[in-house]
Amino acid sequence: MLRLVISLPMLTTLFWLLWFMLSYRQSDSARRMMTYFFLASFVLYTMHYLYFSGTVHPVLETVYGICNLLVYPLFWFYIIRLAGKKPGKEYWWLLPAVVLAVFYILSYVFDWKEGHRAMYITARLCFAAEVVYTAICGPRLLNQLRESLDDQYSDDRSNSLRPVVWLVVLFAIISILAILSNLIGREWFAGKSLVAVPAVLMSVLLYLLGYVTSRLSLPESVYQLAEDVEETGDDANHNSERGQFSVLLRREDVERVMTETKPFTNPNFTLTELAGMLYTNRTYLSSYLRTEMNMNFASFVNMYRVDEAKKILTDRRYKTFKEAVSVALAKTGFSFESTFYRSFKQFTGMTPAEWRRKQLEDEETTEE
């Protein structure tokens, strides 16, 4: 029974490896990286299973050490691809695994036991560094992606990143367990039934990690965002048909464009489109919104959508609140009902229902 429990992490990673392999050709670059992640994890936990089953061999130890140093770099590459970027200097994170492989081979050939022990300790330190670095920089990179989406689009595309919150939480828990197990050392668990505890915990977390990443499918715009931002140097010319743009934006000009033409009613309205209407570039416009109005583009557009929704909610032609909300959602440009409620509360301090009730009551009082 204990051997079956010990095999759970190996079986879990095998399951997700097969799942990602079967959908490899249809997958985006981020999801493809998870195929390599679960491949390394499967080999790692296979070596793990053999070790606790009593099979100990230098070759198996070498493979275990190499895969142990590959897992976190591969997951870090996944986060980078998820953020719409390509790994560059990050590929250096694969170097410890390569060095470890070469050193292990040499130490076995020349029977250098002291060197083998020194490399074992060094590998643990490298693993701990990988865990800490990925745990700190991963969430930061994903948060930057969410901010970039809110700076470029008005349709709450960062909403598609909400599963990433669960991903970060899971990853943080796995990181803590990985560091603890690294400090304790698997030798401590050898021959003890207590090994079933981390085996079950890690199996559950690995399954949830595979589940979240397998269901996390971001719109194509996310993967193009980094490339779009790199082109901001050319915004000045291509955003304006006149080939020129304003050196200084005025609040009244921005308000006039938003209130007269009401471009915010288009759910797919973008920062680039507004920049073109104002004869400026999106980098300058984004900076203006943040410094002068203290909000990102998505919040700025939603502010006007909320103002438009107020008019609809108090229109007595709509007899019920449900009918008024339905019309408001259709005519103000909100892509998600949840965004509408959240934004309305943000800019009015009340829910749409509370605001409608109060306004109608005030009107009745005034009429009396």
Protein backbone atom coordinates (compact mmCIF):
# COMPACT_ATOMS: atom_id res chain seq x y z
CA MET A 1 0.00 0.00 0.00
CA LEU A 2 2.82 2.39 0.90
CA ARG A 3 4.51 1.82 -2.47
CA LEU A 4 1.26 2.75 -4.21
CA VAL A 5 1.06 5.98 -2.25
CA ILE A 6 4.70 6.77 -3.05
CA SER A 7 3.95 6.29 -6.74
CA LEU A 8 1.13 8.88 -6.75
CA PRO A 9 3.32 11.87 -7.77
CA MET A 10 4.81 9.78 -10.59
CA LEU A 11 1.36 8.69 -11.82
CA THR A 12 -0.03 12.22 -11.53
CA THR A 13 2.76 13.74 -13.61
CA LEU A 14 2.43 10.91 -16.14
CA PHE A 15 -1.27 11.66 -16.52
CA TRP A 16 -0.66 15.34 -17.25
CA LEU A 17 2.33 14.57 -19.46
CA LEU A 18 0.13 12.40 -21.68
CA TRP A 19 -2.63 15.02 -21.68
CA PHE A 20 -0.30 17.84 -22.79
CA MET A 21 1.41 15.59 -25.33
CA LEU A 22 -1.92 14.68 -26.97
CA SER A 23 -2.82 18.36 -27.38
CA TYR A 24 0.73 19.53 -28.17
CA ARG A 25 0.16 20.53 -31.81
CA GLN A 26 -2.95 22.55 -30.99
CA SER A 27 -1.35 24.22 -27.98
CA ASP A 28 0.13 27.70 -27.68
CA SER A 29 3.79 28.16 -26.79
CA ALA A 30 3.06 28.52 -23.06
CA ARG A 31 1.10 25.28 -22.84
CA ARG A 32 3.75 23.47 -24.86
CA MET A 33 6.28 24.45 -22.22
CA MET A 34 4.14 22.61 -19.66
CA THR A 35 4.70 19.43 -21.70
CA TYR A 36 8.43 19.70 -20.99
CA PHE A 37 7.72 20.62 -17.37
CA PHE A 38 5.66 17.48 -16.77
CA LEU A 39 8.18 15.37 -18.69
CA ALA A 40 10.95 16.48 -16.33
CA SER A 41 8.60 16.07 -13.35
CA PHE A 42 7.62 12.55 -14.41
CA VAL A 43 11.26 11.45 -14.72
CA LEU A 44 12.03 13.15 -11.40
CA TYR A 45 9.24 11.37 -9.51
CA THR A 46 10.02 8.08 -11.22
CA MET A 47 13.54 8.31 -9.77
CA HIS A 48 11.92 9.36 -6.51
CA TYR A 49 9.72 6.25 -6.53
CA LEU A 50 12.62 3.94 -7.31
CA TYR A 51 14.68 5.45 -4.49
CA PHE A 52 11.98 4.88 -1.85
CA SER A 53 11.33 1.42 -3.26
CA GLY A 54 14.90 0.49 -2.38
CA THR A 55 16.51 0.82 -5.81
CA VAL A 56 19.64 2.96 -5.44
CA HIS A 57 22.12 3.42 -8.28
CA PRO A 58 24.55 6.21 -9.25
CA VAL A 59 22.91 6.63 -12.64
CA LEU A 60 19.48 7.03 -11.07
CA GLU A 61 20.87 9.58 -8.62
CA THR A 62 22.38 11.54 -11.49
CA VAL A 63 19.12 11.59 -13.43
CA TYR A 64 17.24 12.63 -10.29
CA GLY A 65 19.64 15.51 -9.63
CA ILE A 66 19.46 16.76 -13.22
CA CYS A 67 15.64 16.69 -13.38
CA ASN A 68 15.44 18.34 -9.99
CA LEU A 69 17.32 21.31 -11.46
CA LEU A 70 15.22 21.36 -14.63
CA VAL A 71 11.72 21.53 -13.17
CA TYR A 72 11.69 25.12 -11.91
CA PRO A 73 13.48 26.67 -14.92
CA LEU A 74 10.92 24.99 -17.18
CA PHE A 75 8.05 26.35 -15.11
CA TRP A 76 9.68 29.79 -15.18
CA PHE A 77 9.83 29.55 -19.00
CA TYR A 78 6.11 28.71 -18.93
CA ILE A 79 5.33 31.91 -17.00
CA ILE A 80 7.46 33.94 -19.40
CA ARG A 81 5.61 32.49 -22.39
CA LEU A 82 2.30 33.03 -20.62
CA ALA A 83 3.24 36.71 -20.32
CA GLY A 84 3.69 36.88 -24.09
CA LYS A 85 7.49 37.02 -23.97
CA LYS A 86 10.27 34.75 -25.16
CA PRO A 87 12.96 33.38 -22.84
CA GLY A 88 16.32 35.01 -23.54
CA LYS A 89 19.00 35.20 -20.90
CA GLU A 90 16.70 33.03 -18.78
CA TYR A 91 18.04 30.01 -20.67
CA TRP A 92 21.09 30.31 -18.41
CA TRP A 93 18.91 28.70 -15.75
CA LEU A 94 19.45 25.42 -17.57
CA LEU A 95 23.22 25.66 -17.01
CA PRO A 96 23.23 24.18 -13.45
CA ALA A 97 21.55 21.01 -14.72
CA VAL A 98 24.10 20.69 -17.55
CA VAL A 99 27.06 21.31 -15.22
CA LEU A 100 25.66 18.83 -12.72
CA ALA A 101 25.33 16.16 -15.40
CA VAL A 102 28.93 16.64 -16.57
CA PHE A 103 30.29 16.76 -13.02
CA TYR A 104 28.40 13.65 -11.94
CA ILE A 105 29.76 11.72 -14.90
CA LEU A 106 33.33 12.82 -14.16
CA SER A 107 33.01 12.10 -10.43
CA TYR A 108 31.80 8.56 -11.11
CA VAL A 109 34.48 7.92 -13.73
CA PHE A 110 37.29 9.07 -11.43
CA ASP A 111 35.58 7.83 -8.23
CA TRP A 112 35.75 11.29 -6.68
CA LYS A 113 33.51 10.82 -3.65
CA GLU A 114 34.30 14.14 -1.96
CA GLY A 115 33.59 15.99 -5.18
CA HIS A 116 30.35 14.11 -5.55
CA ARG A 117 29.25 15.23 -2.07
CA ALA A 118 30.26 18.84 -2.76
CA MET A 119 28.29 18.83 -5.99
CA TYR A 120 25.29 17.35 -4.17
CA ILE A 121 25.27 20.27 -1.73
CA THR A 122 25.79 22.77 -4.55
CA ALA A 123 22.87 21.27 -6.46
CA ARG A 124 20.62 21.73 -3.43
CA LEU A 125 21.64 25.36 -3.12
CA CYS A 126 21.00 25.93 -6.84
CA PHE A 127 17.59 24.30 -6.51
CA ALA A 128 16.68 26.54 -3.56
CA ALA A 129 17.81 29.60 -5.56
CA GLU A 130 15.64 28.55 -8.52
CA VAL A 131 12.60 28.09 -6.29
CA VAL A 132 13.00 31.47 -4.57
CA TYR A 133 13.69 33.34 -7.83
CA THR A 134 10.69 31.83 -9.63
CA ALA A 135 8.39 32.31 -6.63
CA ILE A 136 9.28 36.03 -6.45
CA CYS A 137 9.62 36.96 -10.12
CA GLY A 138 6.79 34.79 -11.48
CA PRO A 139 3.89 36.58 -9.76
CA ARG A 140 5.57 39.94 -10.46
CA LEU A 141 5.76 39.21 -14.19
CA LEU A 142 2.13 38.07 -14.33
CA ASN A 143 1.03 41.18 -12.45
CA GLN A 144 2.88 43.33 -14.99
CA LEU A 145 0.98 41.53 -17.74
CA ARG A 146 -2.35 42.31 -16.09
CA GLU A 147 -1.38 45.97 -15.79
CA SER A 148 -0.31 46.06 -19.44
CA LEU A 149 -3.64 44.63 -20.55
CA ASP A 150 -5.53 47.26 -18.54
CA ASP A 151 -3.33 49.95 -20.09
CA GLN A 152 -4.06 48.84 -23.66
CA TYR A 153 -7.62 47.49 -23.75
CA SER A 154 -11.01 48.51 -22.39
CA ASP A 155 -12.73 45.12 -22.49
CA ASP A 156 -11.25 43.83 -19.23
CA ARG A 157 -8.97 41.33 -20.90
CA SER A 158 -7.09 40.96 -17.64
CA ASN A 159 -10.23 39.10 -16.55
CA SER A 160 -8.89 36.16 -18.57
CA LEU A 161 -5.91 36.03 -16.20
CA ARG A 162 -7.98 35.34 -13.09
CA PRO A 163 -7.10 31.62 -13.17
CA VAL A 164 -3.49 32.80 -12.84
CA VAL A 165 -4.30 33.85 -9.28
CA TRP A 166 -4.94 30.20 -8.44
CA LEU A 167 -1.84 29.27 -10.36
CA VAL A 168 0.29 31.63 -8.27
CA VAL A 169 -1.23 30.36 -5.02
CA LEU A 170 -0.60 26.74 -6.00
CA PHE A 171 2.90 27.55 -7.11
CA ALA A 172 3.66 29.33 -3.84
CA ILE A 173 2.52 26.28 -1.84
CA ILE A 174 4.53 23.92 -4.02
CA SER A 175 7.57 26.20 -3.67
CA ILE A 176 7.34 26.16 0.13
CA LEU A 177 7.06 22.36 0.18
CA ALA A 178 9.94 22.07 -2.28
CA ILE A 179 12.21 24.22 -0.13
CA LEU A 180 11.30 22.32 3.04
CA SER A 181 11.88 18.94 1.43
CA ASN A 182 15.16 20.24 0.01
CA LEU A 183 16.33 21.32 3.47
CA ILE A 184 15.23 18.09 5.14
CA GLY A 185 16.53 15.86 2.38
CA ARG A 186 14.76 12.78 1.07
CA GLU A 187 17.23 10.57 2.96
CA TRP A 188 15.37 11.47 6.15
CA PHE A 189 12.15 9.91 4.81
CA ALA A 190 13.81 6.69 3.60
CA GLY A 191 12.28 3.61 5.21
CA LYS A 192 9.58 5.63 7.03
CA SER A 193 5.84 5.50 6.45
CA LEU A 194 5.85 9.28 6.97
CA VAL A 195 6.95 9.60 3.34
CA ALA A 196 3.28 9.08 2.41
CA VAL A 197 2.41 12.58 3.69
CA PRO A 198 4.54 14.63 1.25
CA ALA A 199 3.72 12.12 -1.51
CA VAL A 200 -0.03 12.71 -1.15
CA LEU A 201 0.34 16.48 -0.71
CA MET A 202 2.57 16.82 -3.76
CA SER A 203 0.25 14.62 -5.83
CA VAL A 204 -2.75 16.83 -5.04
CA LEU A 205 -0.83 20.02 -5.78
CA LEU A 206 0.62 18.66 -9.02
CA TYR A 207 -2.82 17.57 -10.17
CA LEU A 208 -4.27 21.02 -9.42
CA LEU A 209 -1.33 22.65 -11.18
CA GLY A 210 -1.95 20.54 -14.26
CA TYR A 211 -5.68 21.24 -14.08
CA VAL A 212 -5.25 25.01 -13.89
CA THR A 213 -2.63 25.22 -16.64
CA SER A 214 -4.61 22.89 -18.92
CA ARG A 215 -7.69 25.12 -18.67
CA LEU A 216 -5.84 28.43 -18.83
CA SER A 217 -6.31 29.62 -22.40
CA LEU A 218 -5.53 33.29 -22.98
CA PRO A 219 -6.73 35.32 -25.97
CA GLU A 220 -4.28 35.82 -28.82
CA SER A 221 -4.00 39.49 -27.89
CA VAL A 222 -2.15 38.53 -24.73
CA TYR A 223 0.62 36.85 -26.69
CA GLN A 224 0.84 39.79 -29.11
CA LEU A 225 0.88 42.43 -26.41
CA ALA A 226 4.64 42.41 -25.85
CA GLU A 227 5.29 42.80 -29.57
CA ASP A 228 2.74 45.63 -29.79
CA VAL A 229 4.35 47.53 -26.95
CA GLU A 230 7.75 47.29 -28.64
CA GLU A 231 6.29 49.13 -31.61
CA THR A 232 5.32 52.21 -29.60
CA GLY A 233 8.20 54.13 -31.11
CA ASP A 234 6.28 54.17 -34.39
CA ASP A 235 2.98 55.20 -32.80
CA ALA A 236 3.47 58.86 -33.56
CA ASN A 237 3.20 58.30 -37.28
CA HIS A 238 0.73 55.44 -37.63
CA ASN A 239 -1.81 56.59 -35.03
CA SER A 240 -2.49 59.86 -36.83
CA GLU A 241 -3.57 60.15 -40.41
CA ARG A 242 -1.93 63.57 -40.47
CA GLY A 243 1.44 62.18 -39.43
CA GLN A 244 1.61 64.57 -36.48
CA PHE A 245 0.47 64.51 -32.89
CA SER A 246 -0.17 66.90 -30.04
CA VAL A 247 2.72 67.73 -27.77
CA LEU A 248 0.33 68.44 -24.91
CA LEU A 249 -3.03 66.83 -24.17
CA ARG A 250 -5.81 68.88 -22.62
CA ARG A 251 -8.44 67.33 -20.38
CA GLU A 252 -11.24 69.16 -22.18
CA ASP A 253 -10.16 67.69 -25.52
CA VAL A 254 -10.15 64.18 -24.09
CA GLU A 255 -13.56 64.68 -22.48
CA ARG A 256 -15.00 66.13 -25.70
CA VAL A 257 -13.94 63.10 -27.73
CA MET A 258 -15.32 60.70 -25.15
CA THR A 259 -18.67 62.45 -24.64
CA GLU A 260 -19.43 63.49 -28.23
CA THR A 261 -18.48 60.38 -30.16
CA LYS A 262 -18.92 57.88 -27.28
CA PRO A 263 -16.25 55.45 -28.52
CA PHE A 264 -16.47 53.61 -25.18
CA THR A 265 -19.69 51.92 -26.32
CA ASN A 266 -17.49 49.66 -28.45
CA PRO A 267 -16.47 46.75 -26.17
CA ASN A 268 -13.21 46.36 -28.13
CA PHE A 269 -12.21 50.03 -27.86
CA THR A 270 -8.41 50.30 -27.43
CA LEU A 271 -5.83 52.81 -26.29
CA THR A 272 -4.44 52.90 -29.83
CA GLU A 273 -7.82 53.98 -31.22
CA LEU A 274 -8.24 56.77 -28.67
CA ALA A 275 -4.68 57.96 -29.34
CA GLY A 276 -5.53 58.20 -33.04
CA MET A 277 -8.65 60.26 -32.29
CA LEU A 278 -6.57 62.66 -30.20
CA TYR A 279 -3.66 62.80 -32.70
CA THR A 280 -1.15 61.53 -30.17
CA ASN A 281 0.59 58.22 -29.47
CA ARG A 282 -0.48 55.58 -27.02
CA THR A 283 2.67 55.80 -24.88
CA TYR A 284 2.08 59.50 -24.19
CA LEU A 285 -1.67 58.98 -23.73
CA SER A 286 -1.14 56.14 -21.27
CA SER A 287 1.30 58.28 -19.29
CA TYR A 288 -1.18 61.19 -19.34
CA LEU A 289 -4.00 59.04 -17.95
CA ARG A 290 -1.81 57.74 -15.15
CA THR A 291 -0.26 61.06 -14.13
CA GLU A 292 -3.16 63.49 -14.74
CA MET A 293 -6.14 61.25 -14.02
CA ASN A 294 -4.52 58.64 -11.78
CA MET A 295 -6.04 55.66 -13.61
CA ASN A 296 -5.22 53.17 -16.33
CA PHE A 297 -6.97 53.09 -19.70
CA ALA A 298 -9.49 50.41 -18.73
CA SER A 299 -10.59 52.34 -15.62
CA PHE A 300 -10.74 55.59 -17.61
CA VAL A 301 -13.07 54.08 -20.22
CA ASN A 302 -15.19 52.32 -17.59
CA MET A 303 -15.72 55.67 -15.86
CA TYR A 304 -17.54 56.93 -18.96
CA ARG A 305 -19.41 53.67 -19.31
CA VAL A 306 -20.65 54.01 -15.74
CA ASP A 307 -21.83 57.58 -16.44
CA GLU A 308 -23.74 56.31 -19.46
CA ALA A 309 -25.19 53.44 -17.43
CA LYS A 310 -26.50 55.90 -14.83
CA LYS A 311 -28.74 57.51 -17.44
CA ILE A 312 -30.16 54.17 -18.48
CA LEU A 313 -30.73 52.94 -14.91
CA THR A 314 -32.86 55.99 -14.09
CA ASP A 315 -34.83 55.87 -17.35
CA ARG A 316 -38.43 55.16 -16.35
CA ARG A 317 -39.08 53.41 -19.64
CA TYR A 318 -37.41 50.39 -18.10
CA LYS A 319 -39.89 49.16 -15.52
CA THR A 320 -37.63 46.71 -13.71
CA PHE A 321 -34.06 46.84 -12.52
CA LYS A 322 -33.23 43.66 -14.43
CA GLU A 323 -34.44 45.22 -17.68
CA ALA A 324 -32.47 48.43 -17.04
CA VAL A 325 -29.26 46.52 -16.30
CA SER A 326 -29.69 44.39 -19.42
CA VAL A 327 -29.99 47.52 -21.59
CA ALA A 328 -27.09 49.19 -19.79
CA LEU A 329 -24.82 46.23 -20.46
CA ALA A 330 -25.80 46.18 -24.13
CA LYS A 331 -25.35 49.92 -24.72
CA THR A 332 -22.38 50.95 -22.59
CA GLY A 333 -19.67 48.61 -23.89
CA PHE A 334 -19.06 46.43 -20.83
CA SER A 335 -17.88 42.97 -21.88
CA PHE A 336 -18.53 41.32 -18.52
CA GLU A 337 -21.38 41.79 -16.09
CA SER A 338 -18.95 41.38 -13.21
CA THR A 339 -16.85 44.28 -14.55
CA PHE A 340 -19.99 46.43 -14.77
CA TYR A 341 -20.91 45.83 -11.13
CA ARG A 342 -17.35 46.27 -9.91
CA SER A 343 -16.81 49.50 -11.86
CA PHE A 344 -20.17 50.93 -10.84
CA LYS A 345 -19.35 50.36 -7.18
CA GLN A 346 -15.89 51.87 -7.70
CA PHE A 347 -17.12 55.15 -9.20
CA THR A 348 -20.38 55.64 -7.27
CA GLY A 349 -19.82 53.88 -3.97
CA MET A 350 -23.08 52.01 -4.49
CA THR A 351 -24.32 48.97 -6.36
CA PRO A 352 -26.43 49.62 -9.49
CA ALA A 353 -29.57 48.51 -7.62
CA GLU A 354 -28.89 50.85 -4.70
CA TRP A 355 -28.11 53.75 -7.00
CA ARG A 356 -31.25 53.23 -9.12
CA ARG A 357 -33.46 52.95 -6.03
CA LYS A 358 -32.01 56.11 -4.49
CA GLN A 359 -32.32 58.15 -7.69
CA LEU A 360 -35.93 57.11 -8.27
CA GLU A 361 -36.82 57.85 -4.65
CA ASP A 362 -35.19 61.30 -4.89
CA GLU A 363 -37.14 62.03 -8.08
CA GLU A 364 -40.44 61.06 -6.41
CA THR A 365 -39.62 63.25 -3.41
CA THR A 366 -38.82 66.22 -5.68
CA GLU A 367 -42.08 65.76 -7.61
CA GLU A 368 -44.07 65.84 -4.38
